[in-house]
Amino acid sequence: MKLSPQTIAVLSNFSGINSNLVFREGSEIRTLSPTMEIYAKATIPEEFPTNFQIYDLNEFLGVMNMFTEPDITFLENYLSIRSESTSVKYHYGDLDVFMPKKDVYKLKVPSYNPDVSFTLKQTDLQNLHKACRLLRTDKILFESKTDTKLLAKVEDPSNPLSNSYAIEMDCEIETEGSTFKFVYDASHLKLIAGDYKVSFSGSGKAPVSLFVLDGVEGYGVEYFIAPNTASKFSLGEAQEEQEDPPF
């Protein structure tokens, strides 16, 4: 088996979420950050023939990078990685020793109705990360402006004198008059390059957001990302009269 550029891109990105990755037979890869704030899954072009684990994904990718178009053979206890006259014997992780706390292939994200949805362009996300570096802050937030507009911002929400950067974006809000501020650590929004369909829900038991890679052929990727505790959401006036507030 040769790994496609799409799969290498997924593995490289997932290595920043959790370096311990369990693979299951088939074409889906899932990962969960150690803090359980990011859950991601991808559908790739290849189908793995067996279950196995890579304990140090960054090391594995480094080994793969030693070769030009390496061919992988899945054996009982290890991978054989070969290119022309060069080969590496790379052992699987021991699941009895390094088994993750949660089996991500059994993890089910509760269904929810999105309160806010919009498209996040790749260039806008790149500019937000650039602004984080220039303004020396590690927070990216999405804040309501009107019922059809939001602001994607870089600022320190705990500092009223913080320098800030903002991009106005179109959005759809389910309930008129709803206000929100979803705050993220910038490191949690290091996504695979591409445009994303984004949805936020703040009216359930806990705020949640979904980033879905949009319009890219060859693979699909979804990220469920928990917003920072500084996030806020308030339903429109008609809903605020309910006995049970969102949280």
Protein backbone atom coordinates (compact mmCIF):
# COMPACT_ATOMS: atom_id res chain seq x y z
CA MET A 1 0.00 0.00 0.00
CA LYS A 2 1.13 3.53 -0.80
CA LEU A 3 -0.29 6.37 1.29
CA SER A 4 -1.85 9.18 -0.74
CA PRO A 5 -0.92 12.85 -0.17
CA GLN A 6 -4.40 13.30 1.35
CA THR A 7 -3.75 10.62 3.95
CA ILE A 8 -0.31 12.02 4.78
CA ALA A 9 -1.96 15.45 5.24
CA VAL A 10 -4.52 13.93 7.63
CA LEU A 11 -1.88 12.09 9.65
CA SER A 12 0.32 15.20 9.84
CA ASN A 13 -2.60 17.25 11.12
CA PHE A 14 -3.83 14.58 13.54
CA SER A 15 -0.31 14.29 15.00
CA GLY A 16 -0.87 17.77 16.44
CA ILE A 17 -4.02 16.57 18.21
CA ASN A 18 -2.67 13.32 19.66
CA SER A 19 0.56 11.52 18.74
CA ASN A 20 -0.92 8.18 19.84
CA LEU A 21 -3.14 7.00 17.00
CA VAL A 22 -5.17 3.80 16.75
CA PHE A 23 -6.12 2.63 13.24
CA ARG A 24 -9.08 0.36 12.54
CA GLU A 25 -9.66 -1.81 9.50
CA GLY A 26 -11.27 0.32 6.81
CA SER A 27 -10.95 3.86 5.51
CA GLU A 28 -11.83 5.97 8.56
CA ILE A 29 -9.33 7.49 11.00
CA ARG A 30 -10.36 9.04 14.30
CA THR A 31 -8.46 10.84 17.03
CA LEU A 32 -9.16 12.55 20.35
CA SER A 33 -6.95 15.08 22.10
CA PRO A 34 -5.64 14.08 25.57
CA THR A 35 -7.72 16.90 27.10
CA MET A 36 -10.80 15.64 25.18
CA GLU A 37 -11.39 19.13 23.74
CA ILE A 38 -10.87 18.07 20.09
CA TYR A 39 -12.39 15.04 18.42
CA ALA A 40 -11.61 14.58 14.72
CA LYS A 41 -12.40 11.99 12.10
CA ALA A 42 -11.39 11.59 8.48
CA THR A 43 -12.35 9.37 5.58
CA ILE A 44 -9.31 8.63 3.40
CA PRO A 45 -8.81 7.04 -0.06
CA GLU A 46 -7.06 3.92 1.26
CA GLU A 47 -8.52 1.03 3.24
CA PHE A 48 -6.35 -0.38 5.99
CA PRO A 49 -6.43 -4.20 6.05
CA THR A 50 -6.04 -4.59 9.82
CA ASN A 51 -6.26 -2.91 13.23
CA PHE A 52 -3.01 -1.44 14.56
CA GLN A 53 -1.56 1.40 16.61
CA ILE A 54 1.18 3.95 16.04
CA TYR A 55 2.36 5.21 19.42
CA ASP A 56 4.45 8.15 18.13
CA LEU A 57 2.83 9.49 14.97
CA ASN A 58 5.44 12.21 14.50
CA GLU A 59 8.20 9.61 14.53
CA PHE A 60 6.29 7.45 12.04
CA LEU A 61 5.82 10.40 9.66
CA GLY A 62 9.52 11.18 9.98
CA VAL A 63 10.36 7.62 8.97
CA MET A 64 7.97 7.83 6.01
CA ASN A 65 9.66 11.06 4.95
CA MET A 66 12.96 9.18 4.56
CA PHE A 67 11.55 7.49 1.47
CA THR A 68 10.30 8.50 -1.96
CA GLU A 69 6.88 6.90 -2.55
CA PRO A 70 7.33 4.16 0.09
CA ASP A 71 5.31 0.98 -0.09
CA ILE A 72 3.84 -0.33 3.18
CA THR A 73 3.16 -3.98 3.95
CA PHE A 74 1.07 -4.82 7.05
CA LEU A 75 2.49 -7.82 8.90
CA GLU A 76 1.45 -9.42 12.17
CA ASN A 77 3.46 -7.26 14.57
CA TYR A 78 4.97 -4.52 12.43
CA LEU A 79 4.89 -2.51 9.22
CA SER A 80 7.42 -3.13 6.50
CA ILE A 81 8.17 0.20 4.82
CA ARG A 82 10.16 -0.19 1.61
CA SER A 83 11.38 1.86 -1.32
CA GLU A 84 13.69 0.30 -3.90
CA SER A 85 16.63 -1.20 -1.93
CA THR A 86 15.83 0.50 1.41
CA SER A 87 13.45 -0.77 4.08
CA VAL A 88 12.37 -0.12 7.66
CA LYS A 89 10.78 -2.55 10.09
CA TYR A 90 8.41 -0.42 12.19
CA HIS A 91 6.67 -2.12 15.12
CA TYR A 92 3.09 -1.44 16.08
CA GLY A 93 2.34 0.08 19.48
CA ASP A 94 1.31 -2.32 22.23
CA LEU A 95 -2.38 -1.64 22.92
CA ASP A 96 -2.12 -3.51 26.22
CA VAL A 97 0.38 -0.88 27.39
CA PHE A 98 -0.54 2.24 25.39
CA MET A 99 -4.30 1.86 25.02
CA PRO A 100 -5.92 5.35 24.97
CA LYS A 101 -8.32 6.19 27.79
CA LYS A 102 -11.26 6.20 25.37
CA ASP A 103 -11.87 4.12 22.26
CA VAL A 104 -12.49 6.91 19.73
CA TYR A 105 -14.14 4.45 17.35
CA LYS A 106 -16.91 3.92 19.92
CA LEU A 107 -17.21 7.58 20.83
CA LYS A 108 -20.53 9.15 19.87
CA VAL A 109 -20.98 12.90 19.78
CA PRO A 110 -24.49 13.86 20.95
CA SER A 111 -26.66 15.18 18.15
CA TYR A 112 -27.47 18.86 18.33
CA ASN A 113 -29.26 21.57 16.38
CA PRO A 114 -26.86 24.30 15.26
CA ASP A 115 -27.66 27.79 16.52
CA VAL A 116 -25.19 29.51 14.17
CA SER A 117 -23.70 28.41 10.84
CA PHE A 118 -21.27 30.01 8.39
CA THR A 119 -18.43 29.33 5.95
CA LEU A 120 -14.85 29.85 7.12
CA LYS A 121 -12.53 30.42 4.16
CA GLN A 122 -9.00 29.03 4.22
CA THR A 123 -7.51 32.48 3.59
CA ASP A 124 -9.49 33.97 6.50
CA LEU A 125 -8.33 31.28 8.90
CA GLN A 126 -4.74 31.77 7.74
CA ASN A 127 -5.05 35.52 8.36
CA LEU A 128 -6.48 34.90 11.83
CA HIS A 129 -3.48 32.73 12.74
CA LYS A 130 -1.13 35.35 11.30
CA ALA A 131 -2.82 38.04 13.39
CA CYS A 132 -2.35 35.88 16.50
CA ARG A 133 1.39 35.82 15.90
CA LEU A 134 1.62 39.55 15.15
CA LEU A 135 -0.60 40.66 18.05
CA ARG A 136 0.92 38.11 20.43
CA THR A 137 -2.30 36.53 21.55
CA ASP A 138 -3.46 32.93 21.36
CA LYS A 139 -7.23 33.47 21.20
CA ILE A 140 -9.50 33.38 18.15
CA LEU A 141 -13.17 34.16 18.66
CA PHE A 142 -16.38 34.39 16.66
CA GLU A 143 -18.79 37.06 17.89
CA SER A 144 -22.30 38.03 16.82
CA LYS A 145 -22.78 41.39 15.10
CA THR A 146 -26.27 41.20 13.58
CA ASP A 147 -28.69 38.38 12.73
CA THR A 148 -26.81 37.86 9.45
CA LYS A 149 -23.24 38.90 10.30
CA LEU A 150 -20.53 37.80 12.71
CA LEU A 151 -17.00 38.95 13.44
CA ALA A 152 -14.07 36.53 13.41
CA LYS A 153 -11.61 38.19 15.77
CA VAL A 154 -8.18 37.90 17.29
CA GLU A 155 -7.93 39.51 20.71
CA ASP A 156 -7.48 38.76 24.39
CA PRO A 157 -11.08 38.60 25.73
CA SER A 158 -9.81 39.05 29.29
CA ASN A 159 -8.08 42.35 28.47
CA PRO A 160 -10.29 45.30 27.41
CA LEU A 161 -7.18 47.13 26.17
CA SER A 162 -6.09 44.23 23.95
CA ASN A 163 -5.17 44.97 20.35
CA SER A 164 -7.59 43.22 18.00
CA TYR A 165 -8.09 42.09 14.42
CA ALA A 166 -11.51 41.35 12.89
CA ILE A 167 -13.06 39.93 9.72
CA GLU A 168 -16.77 40.39 9.04
CA MET A 169 -18.50 37.25 7.73
CA ASP A 170 -22.00 36.25 6.65
CA CYS A 171 -23.79 33.81 8.96
CA GLU A 172 -27.15 32.20 9.60
CA ILE A 173 -28.65 32.40 13.09
CA GLU A 174 -31.56 30.11 13.93
CA THR A 175 -33.21 32.42 16.48
CA GLU A 176 -33.42 36.14 15.79
CA GLY A 177 -31.79 38.32 18.40
CA SER A 178 -29.42 35.61 19.63
CA THR A 179 -25.99 36.80 20.73
CA PHE A 180 -22.83 34.76 21.06
CA LYS A 181 -19.10 34.81 21.55
CA PHE A 182 -17.33 31.50 20.90
CA VAL A 183 -13.70 31.63 22.03
CA TYR A 184 -10.95 29.19 21.03
CA ASP A 185 -7.30 28.64 21.74
CA ALA A 186 -5.64 29.30 18.39
CA SER A 187 -3.80 25.97 18.63
CA HIS A 188 -7.17 24.18 18.56
CA LEU A 189 -7.96 25.68 15.14
CA LYS A 190 -4.94 24.32 13.30
CA LEU A 191 -7.03 22.58 10.65
CA ILE A 192 -6.16 20.89 7.38
CA ALA A 193 -5.98 23.49 4.60
CA GLY A 194 -9.34 24.20 2.98
CA ASP A 195 -12.66 25.98 3.42
CA TYR A 196 -14.95 24.84 6.25
CA LYS A 197 -18.66 24.67 6.93
CA VAL A 198 -18.90 25.69 10.58
CA SER A 199 -21.78 25.32 13.01
CA PHE A 200 -22.06 26.37 16.65
CA SER A 201 -24.49 25.21 19.29
CA GLY A 202 -24.72 27.02 22.60
CA SER A 203 -28.26 26.16 23.67
CA GLY A 204 -27.62 22.56 24.74
CA LYS A 205 -26.08 21.17 27.91
CA ALA A 206 -22.61 22.21 26.76
CA PRO A 207 -21.44 24.45 23.90
CA VAL A 208 -20.03 22.55 20.92
CA SER A 209 -18.82 23.39 17.44
CA LEU A 210 -18.34 21.43 14.24
CA PHE A 211 -15.86 22.28 11.45
CA VAL A 212 -16.42 20.26 8.26
CA LEU A 213 -13.92 20.41 5.38
CA ASP A 214 -15.84 21.60 2.32
CA GLY A 215 -15.34 21.02 -1.39
CA VAL A 216 -12.12 18.95 -1.27
CA GLU A 217 -12.03 15.78 -3.35
CA GLY A 218 -10.38 12.58 -2.14
CA TYR A 219 -11.14 12.75 1.56
CA GLY A 220 -13.45 14.20 4.17
CA VAL A 221 -12.54 15.63 7.58
CA GLU A 222 -14.63 16.76 10.55
CA TYR A 223 -13.51 18.41 13.78
CA PHE A 224 -15.66 18.67 16.90
CA ILE A 225 -14.01 21.37 19.01
CA ALA A 226 -15.05 22.47 22.49
CA PRO A 227 -15.06 26.28 22.86
CA ASN A 228 -13.13 27.97 25.66
CA THR A 229 -14.96 28.50 28.97
CA ALA A 230 -14.99 32.25 28.21
CA SER A 231 -17.57 31.57 25.47
CA LYS A 232 -21.09 32.96 25.82
CA PHE A 233 -24.40 32.30 24.10
CA SER A 234 -27.83 33.83 24.64
CA LEU A 235 -31.00 32.97 22.71
CA GLY A 236 -33.32 35.65 21.34
CA GLU A 237 -35.82 37.49 23.53
CA ALA A 238 -38.65 35.02 22.88
CA GLN A 239 -36.52 32.13 24.11
CA GLU A 240 -35.02 33.92 27.11
CA GLU A 241 -38.38 33.71 28.90
CA GLN A 242 -38.10 29.92 29.20
CA GLU A 243 -37.71 28.50 32.70
CA ASP A 244 -34.61 26.52 31.81
CA PRO A 245 -31.82 28.75 30.44
CA PRO A 246 -29.20 27.27 28.06
CA PHE A 247 -26.66 27.07 30.91
